[in-house]
Amino acid sequence: MIRRLFLALPLLAAIGAGSAHAQQCDTRFNFHNRSSTTVVEFYFDRSSRPDFTRDELGAGTLPAGQTKSFAASYSGLYDFRAVLQNGRRVDLFRVDICRVTDVTLTDAGMTAQ
């Protein structure tokens, strides 16, 4: 029994290191509205989800020229959606949340850097 435990320790350490790496990912980002229209809804969810779940602006909006900070709950790939005051939807798919600090909406679309 003790021998099995000692043999399993390196495997458990490797699993723990992988989890620690995921926790070290900085998932914070700024959403910049550089469009000419107010954003009335903003969503970001893991790309593995089939749809968007929660408007991150809640009852608020993000007027043109404003910025708001957010943090994703998990590392990995994310999809983004902004819904503008005129009803237009702008989507951005499969963004590695660990590699971006800024998501920017313009009249031409949405980008992540």
PDB file of N, CA and C in Angstrom:
ATOM      1  N   MET A   1       0.816  -1.190   0.000  1.00  0.00           N
ATOM      2  CA  MET A   1       0.000   0.000   0.000  1.00  0.00           C
ATOM      3  C   MET A   1       0.863   1.258   0.000  1.00  0.00           C
ATOM      4  N   ILE A   2       1.862   1.300   0.890  1.00  0.00           N
ATOM      5  CA  ILE A   2       2.741   2.464   0.975  1.00  0.00           C
ATOM      6  C   ILE A   2       3.529   2.604  -0.327  1.00  0.00           C
ATOM      7  N   ARG A   3       3.953   1.487  -0.892  1.00  0.00           N
ATOM      8  CA  ARG A   3       4.710   1.537  -2.153  1.00  0.00           C
ATOM      9  C   ARG A   3       3.856   2.173  -3.255  1.00  0.00           C
ATOM     10  N   ARG A   4       2.572   1.818  -3.335  1.00  0.00           N
ATOM     11  CA  ARG A   4       1.675   2.408  -4.338  1.00  0.00           C
ATOM     12  C   ARG A   4       1.550   3.913  -4.141  1.00  0.00           C
ATOM     13  N   LEU A   5       1.472   4.323  -2.891  1.00  0.00           N
ATOM     14  CA  LEU A   5       1.380   5.753  -2.608  1.00  0.00           C
ATOM     15  C   LEU A   5       2.620   6.483  -3.112  1.00  0.00           C
ATOM     16  N   PHE A   6       3.805   5.931  -2.853  1.00  0.00           N
ATOM     17  CA  PHE A   6       5.035   6.567  -3.313  1.00  0.00           C
ATOM     18  C   PHE A   6       5.125   6.589  -4.833  1.00  0.00           C
ATOM     19  N   LEU A   7       4.619   5.556  -5.478  1.00  0.00           N
ATOM     20  CA  LEU A   7       4.618   5.536  -6.936  1.00  0.00           C
ATOM     21  C   LEU A   7       3.628   6.556  -7.507  1.00  0.00           C
ATOM     22  N   ALA A   8       2.560   6.830  -6.799  1.00  0.00           N
ATOM     23  CA  ALA A   8       1.544   7.766  -7.276  1.00  0.00           C
ATOM     24  C   ALA A   8       1.897   9.226  -7.004  1.00  0.00           C
ATOM     25  N   LEU A   9       2.799   9.498  -6.087  1.00  0.00           N
ATOM     26  CA  LEU A   9       3.134  10.882  -5.736  1.00  0.00           C
ATOM     27  C   LEU A   9       3.617  11.719  -6.918  1.00  0.00           C
ATOM     28  N   PRO A  10       4.526  11.216  -7.782  1.00  0.00           N
ATOM     29  CA  PRO A  10       4.927  12.047  -8.922  1.00  0.00           C
ATOM     30  C   PRO A  10       3.758  12.398  -9.845  1.00  0.00           C
ATOM     31  N   LEU A  11       2.844  11.452 -10.035  1.00  0.00           N
ATOM     32  CA  LEU A  11       1.672  11.721 -10.869  1.00  0.00           C
ATOM     33  C   LEU A  11       0.797  12.798 -10.234  1.00  0.00           C
ATOM     34  N   LEU A  12       0.559  12.693  -8.942  1.00  0.00           N
ATOM     35  CA  LEU A  12      -0.243  13.702  -8.245  1.00  0.00           C
ATOM     36  C   LEU A  12       0.425  15.068  -8.287  1.00  0.00           C
ATOM     37  N   ALA A  13       1.736  15.115  -8.168  1.00  0.00           N
ATOM     38  CA  ALA A  13       2.459  16.384  -8.241  1.00  0.00           C
ATOM     39  C   ALA A  13       2.329  17.010  -9.625  1.00  0.00           C
ATOM     40  N   ALA A  14       2.387  16.188 -10.670  1.00  0.00           N
ATOM     41  CA  ALA A  14       2.243  16.700 -12.035  1.00  0.00           C
ATOM     42  C   ALA A  14       0.842  17.254 -12.264  1.00  0.00           C
ATOM     43  N   ILE A  15      -0.158  16.574 -11.751  1.00  0.00           N
ATOM     44  CA  ILE A  15      -1.534  17.054 -11.886  1.00  0.00           C
ATOM     45  C   ILE A  15      -1.693  18.373 -11.138  1.00  0.00           C
ATOM     46  N   GLY A  16      -1.139  18.452  -9.951  1.00  0.00           N
ATOM     47  CA  GLY A  16      -1.215  19.684  -9.166  1.00  0.00           C
ATOM     48  C   GLY A  16      -0.501  20.831  -9.842  1.00  0.00           C
ATOM     49  N   ALA A  17       0.630  20.564 -10.493  1.00  0.00           N
ATOM     50  CA  ALA A  17       1.366  21.615 -11.206  1.00  0.00           C
ATOM     51  C   ALA A  17       0.551  22.128 -12.378  1.00  0.00           C
ATOM     52  N   GLY A  18      -0.152  21.241 -13.070  1.00  0.00           N
ATOM     53  CA  GLY A  18      -1.000  21.673 -14.174  1.00  0.00           C
ATOM     54  C   GLY A  18      -2.126  22.566 -13.684  1.00  0.00           C
ATOM     55  N   SER A  19      -2.707  22.235 -12.555  1.00  0.00           N
ATOM     56  CA  SER A  19      -3.768  23.056 -11.986  1.00  0.00           C
ATOM     57  C   SER A  19      -3.225  24.393 -11.523  1.00  0.00           C
ATOM     58  N   ALA A  20      -2.030  24.391 -10.961  1.00  0.00           N
ATOM     59  CA  ALA A  20      -1.423  25.641 -10.508  1.00  0.00           C
ATOM     60  C   ALA A  20      -1.152  26.553 -11.694  1.00  0.00           C
ATOM     61  N   HIS A  21      -0.719  25.983 -12.815  1.00  0.00           N
ATOM     62  CA  HIS A  21      -0.474  26.793 -14.004  1.00  0.00           C
ATOM     63  C   HIS A  21      -1.759  27.467 -14.477  1.00  0.00           C
ATOM     64  N   ALA A  22      -2.854  26.732 -14.461  1.00  0.00           N
ATOM     65  CA  ALA A  22      -4.129  27.307 -14.892  1.00  0.00           C
ATOM     66  C   ALA A  22      -4.539  28.436 -13.954  1.00  0.00           C
ATOM     67  N   GLN A  23      -4.248  28.304 -12.665  1.00  0.00           N
ATOM     68  CA  GLN A  23      -4.601  29.339 -11.713  1.00  0.00           C
ATOM     69  C   GLN A  23      -3.710  30.581 -11.869  1.00  0.00           C
ATOM     70  N   GLN A  24      -2.496  30.434 -12.412  1.00  0.00           N
ATOM     71  CA  GLN A  24      -1.586  31.555 -12.589  1.00  0.00           C
ATOM     72  C   GLN A  24      -1.962  32.415 -13.783  1.00  0.00           C
ATOM     73  N   CYS A  25      -2.828  31.953 -14.624  1.00  0.00           N
ATOM     74  CA  CYS A  25      -3.274  32.703 -15.789  1.00  0.00           C
ATOM     75  C   CYS A  25      -4.038  33.937 -15.324  1.00  0.00           C
ATOM     76  N   ASP A  26      -3.661  35.090 -15.840  1.00  0.00           N
ATOM     77  CA  ASP A  26      -4.366  36.329 -15.510  1.00  0.00           C
ATOM     78  C   ASP A  26      -5.527  36.484 -16.476  1.00  0.00           C
ATOM     79  N   THR A  27      -6.733  36.370 -15.986  1.00  0.00           N
ATOM     80  CA  THR A  27      -7.921  36.413 -16.834  1.00  0.00           C
ATOM     81  C   THR A  27      -8.579  37.790 -16.848  1.00  0.00           C
ATOM     82  N   ARG A  28      -7.906  38.783 -16.281  1.00  0.00           N
ATOM     83  CA  ARG A  28      -8.469  40.139 -16.286  1.00  0.00           C
ATOM     84  C   ARG A  28      -8.266  40.782 -17.659  1.00  0.00           C
ATOM     85  N   PHE A  29      -9.256  41.574 -18.074  1.00  0.00           N
ATOM     86  CA  PHE A  29      -9.131  42.308 -19.337  1.00  0.00           C
ATOM     87  C   PHE A  29      -9.992  43.551 -19.282  1.00  0.00           C
ATOM     88  N   ASN A  30      -9.690  44.493 -20.145  1.00  0.00           N
ATOM     89  CA  ASN A  30     -10.470  45.718 -20.282  1.00  0.00           C
ATOM     90  C   ASN A  30     -11.274  45.645 -21.567  1.00  0.00           C
ATOM     91  N   PHE A  31     -12.532  46.035 -21.476  1.00  0.00           N
ATOM     92  CA  PHE A  31     -13.384  46.110 -22.653  1.00  0.00           C
ATOM     93  C   PHE A  31     -13.538  47.587 -23.009  1.00  0.00           C
ATOM     94  N   HIS A  32     -13.038  47.954 -24.177  1.00  0.00           N
ATOM     95  CA  HIS A  32     -13.050  49.334 -24.645  1.00  0.00           C
ATOM     96  C   HIS A  32     -14.139  49.497 -25.699  1.00  0.00           C
ATOM     97  N   ASN A  33     -15.033  50.430 -25.471  1.00  0.00           N
ATOM     98  CA  ASN A  33     -16.046  50.738 -26.474  1.00  0.00           C
ATOM     99  C   ASN A  33     -15.550  51.932 -27.283  1.00  0.00           C
ATOM    100  N   ARG A  34     -14.908  51.640 -28.401  1.00  0.00           N
ATOM    101  CA  ARG A  34     -14.403  52.679 -29.294  1.00  0.00           C
ATOM    102  C   ARG A  34     -15.330  52.844 -30.495  1.00  0.00           C
ATOM    103  N   SER A  35     -16.540  52.306 -30.376  1.00  0.00           N
ATOM    104  CA  SER A  35     -17.527  52.467 -31.439  1.00  0.00           C
ATOM    105  C   SER A  35     -18.248  53.799 -31.233  1.00  0.00           C
ATOM    106  N   SER A  36     -19.147  54.107 -32.130  1.00  0.00           N
ATOM    107  CA  SER A  36     -19.915  55.350 -32.019  1.00  0.00           C
ATOM    108  C   SER A  36     -21.276  55.131 -31.358  1.00  0.00           C
ATOM    109  N   THR A  37     -21.485  53.914 -30.801  1.00  0.00           N
ATOM    110  CA  THR A  37     -22.787  53.542 -30.244  1.00  0.00           C
ATOM    111  C   THR A  37     -22.624  52.976 -28.837  1.00  0.00           C
ATOM    112  N   THR A  38     -23.594  53.174 -27.999  1.00  0.00           N
ATOM    113  CA  THR A  38     -23.597  52.608 -26.653  1.00  0.00           C
ATOM    114  C   THR A  38     -23.784  51.090 -26.714  1.00  0.00           C
ATOM    115  N   VAL A  39     -23.015  50.374 -25.891  1.00  0.00           N
ATOM    116  CA  VAL A  39     -23.186  48.924 -25.737  1.00  0.00           C
ATOM    117  C   VAL A  39     -24.215  48.715 -24.629  1.00  0.00           C
ATOM    118  N   VAL A  40     -25.272  47.981 -24.942  1.00  0.00           N
ATOM    119  CA  VAL A  40     -26.329  47.741 -23.952  1.00  0.00           C
ATOM    120  C   VAL A  40     -26.230  46.357 -23.309  1.00  0.00           C
ATOM    121  N   GLU A  41     -25.514  45.436 -23.958  1.00  0.00           N
ATOM    122  CA  GLU A  41     -25.272  44.107 -23.394  1.00  0.00           C
ATOM    123  C   GLU A  41     -23.868  43.673 -23.783  1.00  0.00           C
ATOM    124  N   PHE A  42     -23.188  42.982 -22.862  1.00  0.00           N
ATOM    125  CA  PHE A  42     -21.854  42.452 -23.145  1.00  0.00           C
ATOM    126  C   PHE A  42     -21.743  41.081 -22.506  1.00  0.00           C
ATOM    127  N   TYR A  43     -21.358  40.100 -23.313  1.00  0.00           N
ATOM    128  CA  TYR A  43     -21.255  38.716 -22.870  1.00  0.00           C
ATOM    129  C   TYR A  43     -19.850  38.186 -23.143  1.00  0.00           C
ATOM    130  N   PHE A  44     -19.363  37.343 -22.252  1.00  0.00           N
ATOM    131  CA  PHE A  44     -18.196  36.512 -22.555  1.00  0.00           C
ATOM    132  C   PHE A  44     -18.348  35.197 -21.815  1.00  0.00           C
ATOM    133  N   ASP A  45     -18.189  34.129 -22.556  1.00  0.00           N
ATOM    134  CA  ASP A  45     -18.323  32.782 -22.019  1.00  0.00           C
ATOM    135  C   ASP A  45     -17.279  31.877 -22.658  1.00  0.00           C
ATOM    136  N   ARG A  46     -16.972  30.779 -21.976  1.00  0.00           N
ATOM    137  CA  ARG A  46     -16.041  29.803 -22.539  1.00  0.00           C
ATOM    138  C   ARG A  46     -16.557  29.331 -23.887  1.00  0.00           C
ATOM    139  N   SER A  47     -15.651  29.167 -24.822  1.00  0.00           N
ATOM    140  CA  SER A  47     -16.021  28.766 -26.184  1.00  0.00           C
ATOM    141  C   SER A  47     -16.715  27.418 -26.224  1.00  0.00           C
ATOM    142  N   SER A  48     -16.520  26.595 -25.229  1.00  0.00           N
ATOM    143  CA  SER A  48     -17.149  25.278 -25.193  1.00  0.00           C
ATOM    144  C   SER A  48     -18.644  25.358 -24.879  1.00  0.00           C
ATOM    145  N   ARG A  49     -19.122  26.499 -24.430  1.00  0.00           N
ATOM    146  CA  ARG A  49     -20.555  26.667 -24.142  1.00  0.00           C
ATOM    147  C   ARG A  49     -21.305  26.894 -25.456  1.00  0.00           C
ATOM    148  N   PRO A  50     -22.505  26.376 -25.562  1.00  0.00           N
ATOM    149  CA  PRO A  50     -23.258  26.516 -26.813  1.00  0.00           C
ATOM    150  C   PRO A  50     -23.883  27.900 -27.009  1.00  0.00           C
ATOM    151  N   ASP A  51     -23.997  28.673 -25.926  1.00  0.00           N
ATOM    152  CA  ASP A  51     -24.631  29.988 -26.053  1.00  0.00           C
ATOM    153  C   ASP A  51     -24.088  30.924 -24.975  1.00  0.00           C
ATOM    154  N   PHE A  52     -24.473  32.177 -25.041  1.00  0.00           N
ATOM    155  CA  PHE A  52     -24.051  33.148 -24.046  1.00  0.00           C
ATOM    156  C   PHE A  52     -25.013  33.116 -22.865  1.00  0.00           C
ATOM    157  N   THR A  53     -24.477  33.273 -21.646  1.00  0.00           N
ATOM    158  CA  THR A  53     -25.302  33.040 -20.467  1.00  0.00           C
ATOM    159  C   THR A  53     -25.745  34.290 -19.727  1.00  0.00           C
ATOM    160  N   ARG A  54     -24.848  35.258 -19.524  1.00  0.00           N
ATOM    161  CA  ARG A  54     -25.176  36.369 -18.633  1.00  0.00           C
ATOM    162  C   ARG A  54     -24.641  37.681 -19.183  1.00  0.00           C
ATOM    163  N   ASP A  55     -25.497  38.681 -19.217  1.00  0.00           N
ATOM    164  CA  ASP A  55     -25.080  40.017 -19.616  1.00  0.00           C
ATOM    165  C   ASP A  55     -24.198  40.581 -18.507  1.00  0.00           C
ATOM    166  N   GLU A  56     -22.912  40.758 -18.798  1.00  0.00           N
ATOM    167  CA  GLU A  56     -21.954  41.200 -17.790  1.00  0.00           C
ATOM    168  C   GLU A  56     -22.134  42.661 -17.397  1.00  0.00           C
ATOM    169  N   LEU A  57     -22.869  43.427 -18.191  1.00  0.00           N
ATOM    170  CA  LEU A  57     -23.144  44.817 -17.831  1.00  0.00           C
ATOM    171  C   LEU A  57     -24.321  44.923 -16.868  1.00  0.00           C
ATOM    172  N   GLY A  58     -25.070  43.837 -16.715  1.00  0.00           N
ATOM    173  CA  GLY A  58     -26.229  43.857 -15.833  1.00  0.00           C
ATOM    174  C   GLY A  58     -27.235  44.895 -16.292  1.00  0.00           C
ATOM    175  N   ALA A  59     -27.648  45.766 -15.403  1.00  0.00           N
ATOM    176  CA  ALA A  59     -28.611  46.807 -15.741  1.00  0.00           C
ATOM    177  C   ALA A  59     -27.927  48.031 -16.362  1.00  0.00           C
ATOM    178  N   GLY A  60     -26.588  48.014 -16.417  1.00  0.00           N
ATOM    179  CA  GLY A  60     -25.854  49.163 -16.930  1.00  0.00           C
ATOM    180  C   GLY A  60     -25.627  49.101 -18.428  1.00  0.00           C
ATOM    181  N   THR A  61     -24.956  50.118 -18.930  1.00  0.00           N
ATOM    182  CA  THR A  61     -24.541  50.191 -20.329  1.00  0.00           C
ATOM    183  C   THR A  61     -23.098  50.667 -20.372  1.00  0.00           C
ATOM    184  N   LEU A  62     -22.505  50.627 -21.552  1.00  0.00           N
ATOM    185  CA  LEU A  62     -21.155  51.146 -21.741  1.00  0.00           C
ATOM    186  C   LEU A  62     -21.188  52.135 -22.906  1.00  0.00           C
ATOM    187  N   PRO A  63     -21.252  53.425 -22.592  1.00  0.00           N
ATOM    188  CA  PRO A  63     -21.329  54.436 -23.645  1.00  0.00           C
ATOM    189  C   PRO A  63     -20.084  54.454 -24.527  1.00  0.00           C
ATOM    190  N   ALA A  64     -20.229  55.010 -25.714  1.00  0.00           N
ATOM    191  CA  ALA A  64     -19.107  55.168 -26.648  1.00  0.00           C
ATOM    192  C   ALA A  64     -17.970  55.901 -25.948  1.00  0.00           C
ATOM    193  N   GLY A  65     -16.749  55.406 -26.163  1.00  0.00           N
ATOM    194  CA  GLY A  65     -15.568  56.028 -25.581  1.00  0.00           C
ATOM    195  C   GLY A  65     -15.234  55.576 -24.178  1.00  0.00           C
ATOM    196  N   GLN A  66     -16.032  54.709 -23.571  1.00  0.00           N
ATOM    197  CA  GLN A  66     -15.803  54.263 -22.198  1.00  0.00           C
ATOM    198  C   GLN A  66     -15.141  52.885 -22.160  1.00  0.00           C
ATOM    199  N   THR A  67     -14.549  52.571 -21.012  1.00  0.00           N
ATOM    200  CA  THR A  67     -13.875  51.296 -20.778  1.00  0.00           C
ATOM    201  C   THR A  67     -14.365  50.702 -19.468  1.00  0.00           C
ATOM    202  N   LYS A  68     -14.471  49.380 -19.440  1.00  0.00           N
ATOM    203  CA  LYS A  68     -14.851  48.676 -18.212  1.00  0.00           C
ATOM    204  C   LYS A  68     -13.956  47.451 -18.063  1.00  0.00           C
ATOM    205  N   SER A  69     -13.570  47.144 -16.837  1.00  0.00           N
ATOM    206  CA  SER A  69     -12.706  45.996 -16.551  1.00  0.00           C
ATOM    207  C   SER A  69     -13.527  44.787 -16.137  1.00  0.00           C
ATOM    208  N   PHE A  70     -13.053  43.611 -16.564  1.00  0.00           N
ATOM    209  CA  PHE A  70     -13.710  42.348 -16.246  1.00  0.00           C
ATOM    210  C   PHE A  70     -12.643  41.303 -15.926  1.00  0.00           C
ATOM    211  N   ALA A  71     -13.082  40.187 -15.366  1.00  0.00           N
ATOM    212  CA  ALA A  71     -12.212  39.029 -15.150  1.00  0.00           C
ATOM    213  C   ALA A  71     -13.015  37.771 -15.446  1.00  0.00           C
ATOM    214  N   ALA A  72     -12.444  36.906 -16.252  1.00  0.00           N
ATOM    215  CA  ALA A  72     -13.077  35.616 -16.538  1.00  0.00           C
ATOM    216  C   ALA A  72     -12.813  34.667 -15.376  1.00  0.00           C
ATOM    217  N   SER A  73     -13.701  33.721 -15.178  1.00  0.00           N
ATOM    218  CA  SER A  73     -13.577  32.790 -14.062  1.00  0.00           C
ATOM    219  C   SER A  73     -12.550  31.692 -14.305  1.00  0.00           C
ATOM    220  N   TYR A  74     -12.319  31.352 -15.567  1.00  0.00           N
ATOM    221  CA  TYR A  74     -11.440  30.237 -15.907  1.00  0.00           C
ATOM    222  C   TYR A  74     -10.501  30.631 -17.035  1.00  0.00           C
ATOM    223  N   SER A  75      -9.441  29.895 -17.194  1.00  0.00           N
ATOM    224  CA  SER A  75      -8.553  30.080 -18.337  1.00  0.00           C
ATOM    225  C   SER A  75      -9.167  29.373 -19.547  1.00  0.00           C
ATOM    226  N   GLY A  76      -8.554  29.570 -20.710  1.00  0.00           N
ATOM    227  CA  GLY A  76      -9.019  28.870 -21.904  1.00  0.00           C
ATOM    228  C   GLY A  76      -9.558  29.816 -22.957  1.00  0.00           C
ATOM    229  N   LEU A  77     -10.274  29.235 -23.917  1.00  0.00           N
ATOM    230  CA  LEU A  77     -10.813  30.000 -25.034  1.00  0.00           C
ATOM    231  C   LEU A  77     -12.184  30.568 -24.677  1.00  0.00           C
ATOM    232  N   TYR A  78     -12.397  31.826 -25.063  1.00  0.00           N
ATOM    233  CA  TYR A  78     -13.645  32.527 -24.765  1.00  0.00           C
ATOM    234  C   TYR A  78     -14.240  33.134 -26.026  1.00  0.00           C
ATOM    235  N   ASP A  79     -15.559  33.246 -26.015  1.00  0.00           N
ATOM    236  CA  ASP A  79     -16.308  33.949 -27.055  1.00  0.00           C
ATOM    237  C   ASP A  79     -16.877  35.222 -26.435  1.00  0.00           C
ATOM    238  N   PHE A  80     -16.953  36.280 -27.229  1.00  0.00           N
ATOM    239  CA  PHE A  80     -17.443  37.579 -26.773  1.00  0.00           C
ATOM    240  C   PHE A  80     -18.583  38.040 -27.666  1.00  0.00           C
ATOM    241  N   ARG A  81     -19.535  38.746 -27.061  1.00  0.00           N
ATOM    242  CA  ARG A  81     -20.628  39.346 -27.831  1.00  0.00           C
ATOM    243  C   ARG A  81     -20.960  40.705 -27.217  1.00  0.00           C
ATOM    244  N   ALA A  82     -21.036  41.711 -28.074  1.00  0.00           N
ATOM    245  CA  ALA A  82     -21.521  43.029 -27.679  1.00  0.00           C
ATOM    246  C   ALA A  82     -22.813  43.289 -28.435  1.00  0.00           C
ATOM    247  N   VAL A  83     -23.824  43.751 -27.726  1.00  0.00           N
ATOM    248  CA  VAL A  83     -25.089  44.130 -28.344  1.00  0.00           C
ATOM    249  C   VAL A  83     -25.190  45.646 -28.230  1.00  0.00           C
ATOM    250  N   LEU A  84     -25.336  46.295 -29.380  1.00  0.00           N
ATOM    251  CA  LEU A  84     -25.350  47.748 -29.420  1.00  0.00           C
ATOM    252  C   LEU A  84     -26.759  48.289 -29.254  1.00  0.00           C
ATOM    253  N   GLN A  85     -26.839  49.561 -28.956  1.00  0.00           N
ATOM    254  CA  GLN A  85     -28.123  50.220 -28.726  1.00  0.00           C
ATOM    255  C   GLN A  85     -29.057  50.116 -29.932  1.00  0.00           C
ATOM    256  N   ASN A  86     -28.479  50.042 -31.127  1.00  0.00           N
ATOM    257  CA  ASN A  86     -29.290  49.923 -32.348  1.00  0.00           C
ATOM    258  C   ASN A  86     -29.685  48.474 -32.652  1.00  0.00           C
ATOM    259  N   GLY A  87     -29.347  47.538 -31.744  1.00  0.00           N
ATOM    260  CA  GLY A  87     -29.717  46.138 -31.904  1.00  0.00           C
ATOM    261  C   GLY A  87     -28.664  45.282 -32.601  1.00  0.00           C
ATOM    262  N   ARG A  88     -27.654  45.886 -33.182  1.00  0.00           N
ATOM    263  CA  ARG A  88     -26.592  45.135 -33.871  1.00  0.00           C
ATOM    264  C   ARG A  88     -25.784  44.314 -32.869  1.00  0.00           C
ATOM    265  N   ARG A  89     -25.460  43.082 -33.258  1.00  0.00           N
ATOM    266  CA  ARG A  89     -24.617  42.196 -32.454  1.00  0.00           C
ATOM    267  C   ARG A  89     -23.246  42.091 -33.105  1.00  0.00           C
ATOM    268  N   VAL A  90     -22.226  42.144 -32.276  1.00  0.00           N
ATOM    269  CA  VAL A  90     -20.856  41.987 -32.759  1.00  0.00           C
ATOM    270  C   VAL A  90     -20.227  40.864 -31.950  1.00  0.00           C
ATOM    271  N   ASP A  91     -19.723  39.827 -32.640  1.00  0.00           N
ATOM    272  CA  ASP A  91     -19.152  38.655 -31.977  1.00  0.00           C
ATOM    273  C   ASP A  91     -17.672  38.516 -32.278  1.00  0.00           C
ATOM    274  N   LEU A  92     -16.971  37.912 -31.325  1.00  0.00           N
ATOM    275  CA  LEU A  92     -15.563  37.548 -31.477  1.00  0.00           C
ATOM    276  C   LEU A  92     -15.414  36.178 -30.838  1.00  0.00           C
ATOM    277  N   PHE A  93     -14.843  35.222 -31.566  1.00  0.00           N
ATOM    278  CA  PHE A  93     -14.813  33.840 -31.101  1.00  0.00           C
ATOM    279  C   PHE A  93     -13.395  33.330 -30.863  1.00  0.00           C
ATOM    280  N   ARG A  94     -13.311  32.387 -29.911  1.00  0.00           N
ATOM    281  CA  ARG A  94     -12.120  31.588 -29.641  1.00  0.00           C
ATOM    282  C   ARG A  94     -10.891  32.436 -29.315  1.00  0.00           C
ATOM    283  N   VAL A  95     -11.020  33.250 -28.289  1.00  0.00           N
ATOM    284  CA  VAL A  95      -9.929  34.100 -27.814  1.00  0.00           C
ATOM    285  C   VAL A  95      -9.333  33.460 -26.564  1.00  0.00           C
ATOM    286  N   ASP A  96      -8.006  33.280 -26.557  1.00  0.00           N
ATOM    287  CA  ASP A  96      -7.328  32.742 -25.379  1.00  0.00           C
ATOM    288  C   ASP A  96      -7.282  33.836 -24.314  1.00  0.00           C
ATOM    289  N   ILE A  97      -8.065  33.685 -23.282  1.00  0.00           N
ATOM    290  CA  ILE A  97      -8.214  34.717 -22.252  1.00  0.00           C
ATOM    291  C   ILE A  97      -6.910  34.974 -21.514  1.00  0.00           C
ATOM    292  N   CYS A  98      -5.989  34.019 -21.510  1.00  0.00           N
ATOM    293  CA  CYS A  98      -4.701  34.190 -20.839  1.00  0.00           C
ATOM    294  C   CYS A  98      -3.746  35.084 -21.641  1.00  0.00           C
ATOM    295  N   ARG A  99      -4.044  35.319 -22.902  1.00  0.00           N
ATOM    296  CA  ARG A  99      -3.136  36.065 -23.770  1.00  0.00           C
ATOM    297  C   ARG A  99      -3.625  37.465 -24.122  1.00  0.00           C
ATOM    298  N   VAL A 100      -4.769  37.866 -23.594  1.00  0.00           N
ATOM    299  CA  VAL A 100      -5.294  39.189 -23.942  1.00  0.00           C
ATOM    300  C   VAL A 100      -5.446  40.049 -22.695  1.00  0.00           C
ATOM    301  N   THR A 101      -5.294  41.328 -22.884  1.00  0.00           N
ATOM    302  CA  THR A 101      -5.545  42.285 -21.814  1.00  0.00           C
ATOM    303  C   THR A 101      -6.589  43.310 -22.241  1.00  0.00           C
ATOM    304  N   ASP A 102      -6.855  43.365 -23.550  1.00  0.00           N
ATOM    305  CA  ASP A 102      -7.797  44.353 -24.071  1.00  0.00           C
ATOM    306  C   ASP A 102      -8.685  43.743 -25.149  1.00  0.00           C
ATOM    307  N   VAL A 103      -9.984  43.952 -24.999  1.00  0.00           N
ATOM    308  CA  VAL A 103     -10.958  43.619 -26.028  1.00  0.00           C
ATOM    309  C   VAL A 103     -11.558  44.955 -26.447  1.00  0.00           C
ATOM    310  N   THR A 104     -11.472  45.243 -27.752  1.00  0.00           N
ATOM    311  CA  THR A 104     -11.873  46.564 -28.233  1.00  0.00           C
ATOM    312  C   THR A 104     -12.958  46.444 -29.285  1.00  0.00           C
ATOM    313  N   LEU A 105     -14.031  47.204 -29.076  1.00  0.00           N
ATOM    314  CA  LEU A 105     -15.120  47.279 -30.035  1.00  0.00           C
ATOM    315  C   LEU A 105     -14.994  48.586 -30.803  1.00  0.00           C
ATOM    316  N   THR A 106     -15.027  48.494 -32.124  1.00  0.00           N
ATOM    317  CA  THR A 106     -15.059  49.677 -32.987  1.00  0.00           C
ATOM    318  C   THR A 106     -16.247  49.526 -33.922  1.00  0.00           C
ATOM    319  N   ASP A 107     -16.482  50.533 -34.733  1.00  0.00           N
ATOM    320  CA  ASP A 107     -17.569  50.432 -35.702  1.00  0.00           C
ATOM    321  C   ASP A 107     -17.296  49.340 -36.750  1.00  0.00           C
ATOM    322  N   ALA A 108     -16.022  48.943 -36.896  1.00  0.00           N
ATOM    323  CA  ALA A 108     -15.643  47.915 -37.861  1.00  0.00           C
ATOM    324  C   ALA A 108     -15.722  46.497 -37.284  1.00  0.00           C
ATOM    325  N   GLY A 109     -15.843  46.352 -35.957  1.00  0.00           N
ATOM    326  CA  GLY A 109     -15.889  45.022 -35.360  1.00  0.00           C
ATOM    327  C   GLY A 109     -15.231  44.978 -34.002  1.00  0.00           C
ATOM    328  N   MET A 110     -14.880  43.756 -33.552  1.00  0.00           N
ATOM    329  CA  MET A 110     -14.273  43.575 -32.245  1.00  0.00           C
ATOM    330  C   MET A 110     -12.947  42.851 -32.402  1.00  0.00           C
ATOM    331  N   THR A 111     -11.932  43.281 -31.636  1.00  0.00           N
ATOM    332  CA  THR A 111     -10.612  42.663 -31.671  1.00  0.00           C
ATOM    333  C   THR A 111     -10.146  42.402 -30.238  1.00  0.00           C
ATOM    334  N   ALA A 112      -9.166  41.510 -30.110  1.00  0.00           N
ATOM    335  CA  ALA A 112      -8.564  41.214 -28.813  1.00  0.00           C
ATOM    336  C   ALA A 112      -7.049  41.284 -28.941  1.00  0.00           C
ATOM    337  N   GLN A 113      -6.434  41.901 -27.984  1.00  0.00           N
ATOM    338  CA  GLN A 113      -4.953  42.009 -27.967  1.00  0.00           C
ATOM    339  C   GLN A 113      -4.430  41.740 -26.579  1.00  0.00           C
TER     340      GLN A 113
END
